[in-house]
Amino acid sequence: MIYDLHSDLLCYLASHPLRLAYDAEVRCSIPQLLAGGVKLQTLAIFTTTNPGSVKSVKNGTAQAKAYKSLSKRYAGYFEPYFQSGLQDTKAQIQTLLAIENASSFCSEEELLEQGIARLKAIANEIDKPLYISLTWN
């Protein structure tokens, strides 16, 4: 079994409404993951930091929603790992959520408490993140 610890699929899907997880241009599409034998895929929410703007948080929120919709939109292909564990899954690829750059849930201009509340909502409503990096690059 192959466990991959990083994928930019969420950024790809959230950046345009017509994009699909079957698109080869993302380089981590469903056909590519299956051909590579990937059974567990970490999907990263990634945004650049945009000081003076809520753009980073909006982008992070869109990616979190894309993650939440994967198991419904691509039934049989994706399922969050923390919902079933490796032994009980019916999906071909289990997913773990990661957050690269805390700007995806907390802008530099807002109170940290607001960002922490948003992060808790992601963990409670969408999935618990495997890891969170505070900065990127």
N, C-alpha and C. Protein backbone atom coordinates (compact mmCIF):
# COMPACT_ATOMS: atom_id res chain seq x y z
N MET A 1 0.84 -1.19 0.00
CA MET A 1 0.00 0.00 0.00
C MET A 1 0.88 1.24 0.00
N ILE A 2 0.43 2.24 -0.71
CA ILE A 2 1.15 3.51 -0.77
C ILE A 2 0.36 4.56 0.02
N TYR A 3 1.06 5.25 0.90
CA TYR A 3 0.49 6.37 1.66
C TYR A 3 1.24 7.62 1.20
N ASP A 4 0.53 8.56 0.62
CA ASP A 4 1.14 9.79 0.12
C ASP A 4 0.80 10.92 1.09
N LEU A 5 1.81 11.65 1.52
CA LEU A 5 1.61 12.67 2.55
C LEU A 5 1.37 14.08 2.03
N HIS A 6 1.22 14.24 0.72
CA HIS A 6 0.92 15.59 0.21
C HIS A 6 0.28 15.53 -1.17
N SER A 7 -0.75 16.34 -1.32
CA SER A 7 -1.42 16.51 -2.61
C SER A 7 -2.02 17.90 -2.66
N ASP A 8 -2.00 18.52 -3.84
CA ASP A 8 -2.60 19.84 -4.05
C ASP A 8 -3.97 19.75 -4.71
N LEU A 9 -4.63 18.63 -4.59
CA LEU A 9 -5.93 18.44 -5.23
C LEU A 9 -6.95 19.47 -4.77
N LEU A 10 -6.99 19.80 -3.49
CA LEU A 10 -8.00 20.74 -2.97
C LEU A 10 -7.82 22.14 -3.56
N CYS A 11 -6.59 22.59 -3.65
CA CYS A 11 -6.31 23.90 -4.24
C CYS A 11 -6.76 23.91 -5.70
N TYR A 12 -6.49 22.83 -6.40
CA TYR A 12 -6.89 22.70 -7.80
C TYR A 12 -8.41 22.76 -7.94
N LEU A 13 -9.12 21.97 -7.14
CA LEU A 13 -10.58 21.91 -7.25
C LEU A 13 -11.25 23.22 -6.85
N ALA A 14 -10.75 23.85 -5.80
CA ALA A 14 -11.38 25.07 -5.29
C ALA A 14 -11.12 26.29 -6.16
N SER A 15 -10.12 26.22 -7.03
CA SER A 15 -9.78 27.41 -7.82
C SER A 15 -10.66 27.61 -9.05
N HIS A 16 -11.45 26.61 -9.42
CA HIS A 16 -12.34 26.77 -10.57
C HIS A 16 -13.48 25.75 -10.46
N PRO A 17 -14.73 26.18 -10.60
CA PRO A 17 -15.87 25.28 -10.39
C PRO A 17 -16.00 24.14 -11.39
N LEU A 18 -15.36 24.23 -12.54
CA LEU A 18 -15.48 23.17 -13.54
C LEU A 18 -14.40 22.10 -13.43
N ARG A 19 -13.47 22.29 -12.52
CA ARG A 19 -12.40 21.32 -12.37
C ARG A 19 -12.91 20.07 -11.65
N LEU A 20 -12.34 18.93 -12.04
CA LEU A 20 -12.75 17.64 -11.48
C LEU A 20 -11.54 16.87 -10.96
N ALA A 21 -11.80 15.95 -10.07
CA ALA A 21 -10.73 15.10 -9.53
C ALA A 21 -10.27 14.06 -10.54
N TYR A 22 -10.89 14.01 -11.70
CA TYR A 22 -10.47 13.11 -12.78
C TYR A 22 -9.46 13.77 -13.73
N ASP A 23 -9.27 15.09 -13.61
CA ASP A 23 -8.41 15.85 -14.52
C ASP A 23 -6.94 15.49 -14.33
N ALA A 24 -6.31 15.00 -15.37
CA ALA A 24 -4.90 14.59 -15.30
C ALA A 24 -3.96 15.76 -15.03
N GLU A 25 -4.36 16.97 -15.40
CA GLU A 25 -3.46 18.11 -15.23
C GLU A 25 -3.13 18.40 -13.77
N VAL A 26 -3.92 17.92 -12.83
CA VAL A 26 -3.64 18.16 -11.42
C VAL A 26 -2.49 17.28 -10.92
N ARG A 27 -2.17 16.22 -11.64
CA ARG A 27 -1.08 15.28 -11.32
C ARG A 27 -1.34 14.48 -10.05
N CYS A 28 -2.56 14.50 -9.57
CA CYS A 28 -2.98 13.63 -8.45
C CYS A 28 -4.46 13.31 -8.64
N SER A 29 -4.83 13.06 -9.87
CA SER A 29 -6.22 12.76 -10.21
C SER A 29 -6.59 11.35 -9.72
N ILE A 30 -7.86 11.06 -9.71
CA ILE A 30 -8.31 9.73 -9.29
C ILE A 30 -7.63 8.64 -10.13
N PRO A 31 -7.64 8.72 -11.47
CA PRO A 31 -6.97 7.67 -12.24
C PRO A 31 -5.47 7.54 -11.91
N GLN A 32 -4.81 8.67 -11.68
CA GLN A 32 -3.38 8.64 -11.37
C GLN A 32 -3.13 8.03 -9.99
N LEU A 33 -3.96 8.38 -9.01
CA LEU A 33 -3.80 7.81 -7.67
C LEU A 33 -4.04 6.30 -7.69
N LEU A 34 -5.06 5.86 -8.41
CA LEU A 34 -5.36 4.43 -8.50
C LEU A 34 -4.23 3.69 -9.22
N ALA A 35 -3.74 4.25 -10.31
CA ALA A 35 -2.65 3.61 -11.05
C ALA A 35 -1.39 3.51 -10.20
N GLY A 36 -1.18 4.49 -9.31
CA GLY A 36 -0.01 4.48 -8.43
C GLY A 36 -0.18 3.63 -7.19
N GLY A 37 -1.35 3.06 -6.99
CA GLY A 37 -1.59 2.22 -5.83
C GLY A 37 -1.75 2.99 -4.53
N VAL A 38 -2.11 4.26 -4.61
CA VAL A 38 -2.27 5.08 -3.41
C VAL A 38 -3.56 4.69 -2.69
N LYS A 39 -3.43 4.32 -1.43
CA LYS A 39 -4.58 3.92 -0.61
C LYS A 39 -4.93 4.98 0.43
N LEU A 40 -3.94 5.80 0.81
CA LEU A 40 -4.17 6.85 1.80
C LEU A 40 -3.49 8.11 1.30
N GLN A 41 -4.28 9.18 1.10
CA GLN A 41 -3.77 10.42 0.51
C GLN A 41 -4.02 11.58 1.46
N THR A 42 -2.95 12.28 1.83
CA THR A 42 -3.09 13.52 2.59
C THR A 42 -3.38 14.64 1.61
N LEU A 43 -4.45 15.37 1.86
CA LEU A 43 -4.86 16.48 1.00
C LEU A 43 -4.65 17.78 1.77
N ALA A 44 -3.82 18.64 1.21
CA ALA A 44 -3.45 19.88 1.90
C ALA A 44 -4.33 21.05 1.49
N ILE A 45 -4.80 21.77 2.50
CA ILE A 45 -5.38 23.09 2.27
C ILE A 45 -4.19 24.05 2.26
N PHE A 46 -3.99 24.73 1.15
CA PHE A 46 -2.86 25.65 1.04
C PHE A 46 -3.33 26.98 0.48
N THR A 47 -2.92 28.04 1.14
CA THR A 47 -3.13 29.39 0.63
C THR A 47 -1.86 30.20 0.84
N THR A 48 -1.66 31.18 -0.01
CA THR A 48 -0.61 32.15 0.26
C THR A 48 -1.18 33.18 1.23
N THR A 49 -0.31 33.87 1.91
CA THR A 49 -0.74 34.91 2.84
C THR A 49 -0.94 36.20 2.07
N ASN A 50 -2.11 36.79 2.21
CA ASN A 50 -2.44 38.06 1.56
C ASN A 50 -2.73 39.09 2.64
N PRO A 51 -1.68 39.78 3.13
CA PRO A 51 -1.89 40.77 4.20
C PRO A 51 -2.91 41.83 3.80
N GLY A 52 -3.72 42.24 4.76
CA GLY A 52 -4.72 43.27 4.51
C GLY A 52 -5.93 42.77 3.76
N SER A 53 -6.12 41.46 3.70
CA SER A 53 -7.20 40.89 2.91
C SER A 53 -7.71 39.63 3.59
N VAL A 54 -8.95 39.28 3.32
CA VAL A 54 -9.51 38.01 3.81
C VAL A 54 -9.45 36.95 2.70
N LYS A 55 -8.73 37.24 1.63
CA LYS A 55 -8.64 36.32 0.50
C LYS A 55 -8.09 34.96 0.92
N SER A 56 -7.08 34.93 1.77
CA SER A 56 -6.49 33.67 2.21
C SER A 56 -7.52 32.81 2.93
N VAL A 57 -8.28 33.42 3.82
CA VAL A 57 -9.30 32.68 4.58
C VAL A 57 -10.40 32.18 3.65
N LYS A 58 -10.83 33.01 2.70
CA LYS A 58 -11.85 32.58 1.74
C LYS A 58 -11.36 31.40 0.91
N ASN A 59 -10.10 31.46 0.49
CA ASN A 59 -9.51 30.38 -0.28
C ASN A 59 -9.42 29.10 0.56
N GLY A 60 -8.98 29.23 1.80
CA GLY A 60 -8.91 28.08 2.70
C GLY A 60 -10.27 27.47 2.96
N THR A 61 -11.28 28.32 3.14
CA THR A 61 -12.64 27.84 3.35
C THR A 61 -13.16 27.09 2.13
N ALA A 62 -12.88 27.60 0.95
CA ALA A 62 -13.31 26.92 -0.29
C ALA A 62 -12.64 25.55 -0.41
N GLN A 63 -11.38 25.45 -0.03
CA GLN A 63 -10.69 24.17 -0.09
C GLN A 63 -11.23 23.19 0.96
N ALA A 64 -11.57 23.70 2.14
CA ALA A 64 -12.17 22.85 3.17
C ALA A 64 -13.51 22.30 2.69
N LYS A 65 -14.29 23.13 2.02
CA LYS A 65 -15.57 22.67 1.46
C LYS A 65 -15.34 21.63 0.36
N ALA A 66 -14.30 21.82 -0.44
CA ALA A 66 -13.97 20.84 -1.49
C ALA A 66 -13.62 19.50 -0.85
N TYR A 67 -12.87 19.53 0.25
CA TYR A 67 -12.53 18.29 0.95
C TYR A 67 -13.80 17.62 1.48
N LYS A 68 -14.66 18.39 2.09
CA LYS A 68 -15.89 17.83 2.66
C LYS A 68 -16.76 17.17 1.59
N SER A 69 -16.75 17.70 0.38
CA SER A 69 -17.62 17.17 -0.68
C SER A 69 -17.04 15.97 -1.42
N LEU A 70 -15.77 15.66 -1.22
CA LEU A 70 -15.13 14.60 -2.00
C LEU A 70 -15.85 13.25 -1.88
N SER A 71 -16.18 12.84 -0.65
CA SER A 71 -16.76 11.50 -0.49
C SER A 71 -18.16 11.40 -1.07
N LYS A 72 -18.86 12.52 -1.18
CA LYS A 72 -20.18 12.50 -1.81
C LYS A 72 -20.06 12.64 -3.33
N ARG A 73 -19.22 13.57 -3.74
CA ARG A 73 -19.06 13.86 -5.17
C ARG A 73 -18.38 12.72 -5.92
N TYR A 74 -17.47 12.04 -5.23
CA TYR A 74 -16.71 10.94 -5.84
C TYR A 74 -16.88 9.68 -4.98
N ALA A 75 -18.12 9.30 -4.78
CA ALA A 75 -18.44 8.14 -3.94
C ALA A 75 -17.72 6.89 -4.43
N GLY A 76 -17.20 6.15 -3.51
CA GLY A 76 -16.46 4.93 -3.84
C GLY A 76 -14.98 5.17 -4.08
N TYR A 77 -14.61 6.41 -4.30
CA TYR A 77 -13.20 6.74 -4.50
C TYR A 77 -12.56 7.33 -3.26
N PHE A 78 -13.21 8.32 -2.64
CA PHE A 78 -12.62 9.02 -1.49
C PHE A 78 -13.48 8.82 -0.24
N GLU A 79 -12.79 8.67 0.88
CA GLU A 79 -13.45 8.62 2.18
C GLU A 79 -12.46 9.08 3.23
N PRO A 80 -12.87 9.96 4.15
CA PRO A 80 -11.95 10.40 5.20
C PRO A 80 -11.51 9.23 6.09
N TYR A 81 -10.23 9.15 6.34
CA TYR A 81 -9.64 8.08 7.14
C TYR A 81 -10.26 8.02 8.54
N PHE A 82 -10.44 9.17 9.17
CA PHE A 82 -10.93 9.19 10.55
C PHE A 82 -12.38 8.75 10.67
N GLN A 83 -13.08 8.57 9.56
CA GLN A 83 -14.45 8.06 9.62
C GLN A 83 -14.50 6.55 9.72
N SER A 84 -13.48 5.85 9.19
CA SER A 84 -13.59 4.40 9.18
C SER A 84 -12.30 3.65 9.51
N GLY A 85 -11.16 4.25 9.33
CA GLY A 85 -9.91 3.51 9.50
C GLY A 85 -9.63 2.68 8.26
N LEU A 86 -8.42 2.20 8.13
CA LEU A 86 -8.01 1.49 6.92
C LEU A 86 -8.74 0.17 6.70
N GLN A 87 -9.14 -0.49 7.74
CA GLN A 87 -9.72 -1.82 7.59
C GLN A 87 -11.18 -1.81 7.16
N ASP A 88 -11.93 -0.77 7.50
CA ASP A 88 -13.38 -0.77 7.29
C ASP A 88 -13.85 0.05 6.09
N THR A 89 -12.98 0.49 5.27
CA THR A 89 -13.37 1.40 4.20
C THR A 89 -13.98 0.67 3.00
N LYS A 90 -14.90 1.35 2.36
CA LYS A 90 -15.45 0.88 1.09
C LYS A 90 -14.87 1.69 -0.06
N ALA A 91 -14.19 2.78 0.29
CA ALA A 91 -13.59 3.65 -0.71
C ALA A 91 -12.24 3.10 -1.16
N GLN A 92 -11.84 3.47 -2.36
CA GLN A 92 -10.55 3.04 -2.89
C GLN A 92 -9.39 3.85 -2.34
N ILE A 93 -9.67 5.12 -1.99
CA ILE A 93 -8.62 6.01 -1.48
C ILE A 93 -9.15 6.70 -0.22
N GLN A 94 -8.44 6.53 0.88
CA GLN A 94 -8.82 7.25 2.08
C GLN A 94 -8.04 8.56 2.14
N THR A 95 -8.61 9.54 2.80
CA THR A 95 -8.00 10.86 2.82
C THR A 95 -7.74 11.34 4.24
N LEU A 96 -6.70 12.12 4.36
CA LEU A 96 -6.37 12.85 5.57
C LEU A 96 -6.28 14.32 5.19
N LEU A 97 -6.75 15.18 6.05
CA LEU A 97 -6.70 16.61 5.82
C LEU A 97 -5.45 17.20 6.46
N ALA A 98 -4.81 18.13 5.78
CA ALA A 98 -3.68 18.87 6.32
C ALA A 98 -3.89 20.35 6.01
N ILE A 99 -3.29 21.20 6.81
CA ILE A 99 -3.37 22.64 6.57
C ILE A 99 -1.95 23.18 6.50
N GLU A 100 -1.61 23.72 5.35
CA GLU A 100 -0.30 24.33 5.13
C GLU A 100 -0.48 25.83 5.06
N ASN A 101 -0.11 26.48 6.11
CA ASN A 101 -0.19 27.92 6.27
C ASN A 101 -1.47 28.28 7.01
N ALA A 102 -1.33 28.71 8.22
CA ALA A 102 -2.47 29.07 9.07
C ALA A 102 -3.28 30.23 8.50
N SER A 103 -2.77 30.93 7.50
CA SER A 103 -3.53 32.00 6.86
C SER A 103 -4.80 31.49 6.21
N SER A 104 -4.89 30.19 6.02
CA SER A 104 -6.10 29.63 5.42
C SER A 104 -7.28 29.60 6.38
N PHE A 105 -7.02 29.77 7.67
CA PHE A 105 -8.13 29.85 8.62
C PHE A 105 -8.07 31.06 9.53
N CYS A 106 -7.00 31.86 9.45
CA CYS A 106 -6.88 33.05 10.30
C CYS A 106 -6.08 34.13 9.58
N SER A 107 -6.72 35.24 9.27
CA SER A 107 -5.98 36.32 8.60
C SER A 107 -5.11 37.04 9.63
N GLU A 108 -4.12 37.74 9.14
CA GLU A 108 -3.20 38.46 10.02
C GLU A 108 -3.86 39.62 10.74
N GLU A 109 -4.99 40.10 10.24
CA GLU A 109 -5.64 41.27 10.81
C GLU A 109 -6.72 40.94 11.85
N GLU A 110 -7.10 39.68 11.96
CA GLU A 110 -8.17 39.36 12.91
C GLU A 110 -7.60 38.77 14.20
N LEU A 111 -8.43 38.75 15.21
CA LEU A 111 -8.02 38.20 16.48
C LEU A 111 -7.77 36.70 16.35
N LEU A 112 -6.76 36.23 17.06
CA LEU A 112 -6.42 34.81 17.02
C LEU A 112 -7.60 33.94 17.45
N GLU A 113 -8.40 34.43 18.37
CA GLU A 113 -9.57 33.68 18.83
C GLU A 113 -10.53 33.38 17.68
N GLN A 114 -10.67 34.33 16.76
CA GLN A 114 -11.54 34.10 15.59
C GLN A 114 -10.97 32.99 14.71
N GLY A 115 -9.67 33.01 14.51
CA GLY A 115 -9.03 31.98 13.70
C GLY A 115 -9.12 30.61 14.37
N ILE A 116 -8.91 30.55 15.66
CA ILE A 116 -9.01 29.28 16.39
C ILE A 116 -10.44 28.75 16.32
N ALA A 117 -11.43 29.62 16.42
CA ALA A 117 -12.83 29.18 16.29
C ALA A 117 -13.08 28.60 14.90
N ARG A 118 -12.52 29.24 13.88
CA ARG A 118 -12.67 28.73 12.51
C ARG A 118 -11.98 27.38 12.35
N LEU A 119 -10.79 27.24 12.93
CA LEU A 119 -10.08 25.97 12.88
C LEU A 119 -10.87 24.87 13.60
N LYS A 120 -11.45 25.17 14.74
CA LYS A 120 -12.26 24.19 15.46
C LYS A 120 -13.48 23.77 14.63
N ALA A 121 -14.06 24.73 13.92
CA ALA A 121 -15.21 24.40 13.06
C ALA A 121 -14.78 23.45 11.94
N ILE A 122 -13.61 23.67 11.36
CA ILE A 122 -13.10 22.77 10.32
C ILE A 122 -12.92 21.37 10.90
N ALA A 123 -12.31 21.29 12.08
CA ALA A 123 -12.07 19.98 12.71
C ALA A 123 -13.37 19.28 13.08
N ASN A 124 -14.36 20.03 13.54
CA ASN A 124 -15.63 19.43 13.96
C ASN A 124 -16.56 19.11 12.81
N GLU A 125 -16.61 19.98 11.81
CA GLU A 125 -17.59 19.84 10.73
C GLU A 125 -17.04 19.13 9.49
N ILE A 126 -15.74 19.17 9.29
CA ILE A 126 -15.17 18.64 8.05
C ILE A 126 -14.28 17.43 8.35
N ASP A 127 -13.18 17.63 9.05
CA ASP A 127 -12.29 16.53 9.44
C ASP A 127 -11.20 17.10 10.33
N LYS A 128 -10.63 16.25 11.15
CA LYS A 128 -9.50 16.65 11.98
C LYS A 128 -8.26 16.69 11.10
N PRO A 129 -7.50 17.78 11.16
CA PRO A 129 -6.28 17.83 10.34
C PRO A 129 -5.20 16.91 10.90
N LEU A 130 -4.47 16.27 10.01
CA LEU A 130 -3.33 15.46 10.39
C LEU A 130 -2.22 16.38 10.93
N TYR A 131 -2.01 17.49 10.24
CA TYR A 131 -1.03 18.45 10.71
C TYR A 131 -1.43 19.86 10.25
N ILE A 132 -0.86 20.86 10.92
CA ILE A 132 -1.07 22.26 10.57
C ILE A 132 0.30 22.92 10.62
N SER A 133 0.69 23.58 9.55
CA SER A 133 1.90 24.39 9.59
C SER A 133 1.46 25.84 9.74
N LEU A 134 2.14 26.56 10.58
CA LEU A 134 1.75 27.95 10.83
C LEU A 134 2.12 28.87 9.68
N THR A 135 3.20 28.55 8.99
CA THR A 135 3.65 29.38 7.87
C THR A 135 3.99 28.48 6.69
N TRP A 136 4.18 29.10 5.58
CA TRP A 136 4.66 28.39 4.39
C TRP A 136 5.71 29.26 3.73
N ASN A 137 6.81 28.65 3.34
CA ASN A 137 7.86 29.32 2.61
C ASN A 137 8.49 30.43 3.42
